[in-house]
Amino acid sequence: INAGPKPLALYVWSHKQAHIDAILGRTSSGGACVNHCVAQFAHGNLPFGGINNSGIGSAHGIYGFKAFSHERGVLRSSPLMLIKLFFPPYSKQRNYLVRKTVDMMRLPML
């Protein structure tokens, strides 16, 4: 198995748990099924997809949604965000507020 390209699916047929664990632990594949075939593809709660030559990513259910989606973090600035105090323009009032904020947080002033 390891001598060739990584398979899309690996089927292990054995009743010996040590044998099953050894094969699954020493190989890599897109998916695997023990003592059955093709069932992992039909199971909606398991990811289905390849690795390297057999494909990229996963499909089915939430796995497919996440594989073909991009989560983008967006921060919208608010007048109440304290971090704005640390950016110019600086005024006497802003310097005072920054010093008080730092003092309250007990951080050393630079």
Foldseek 3Di string as FASTA:
>chain_A
DVVDDAEQEAEAEDPDPVVVCVVVVPGDWNYYDYNDPPVQVVDQVHWGATDDPRGDFTDHDPRNVVRPDDDDDDDDDDPPDPVVLVDDPDDPVSVVVVVVVCVVVVHDDD
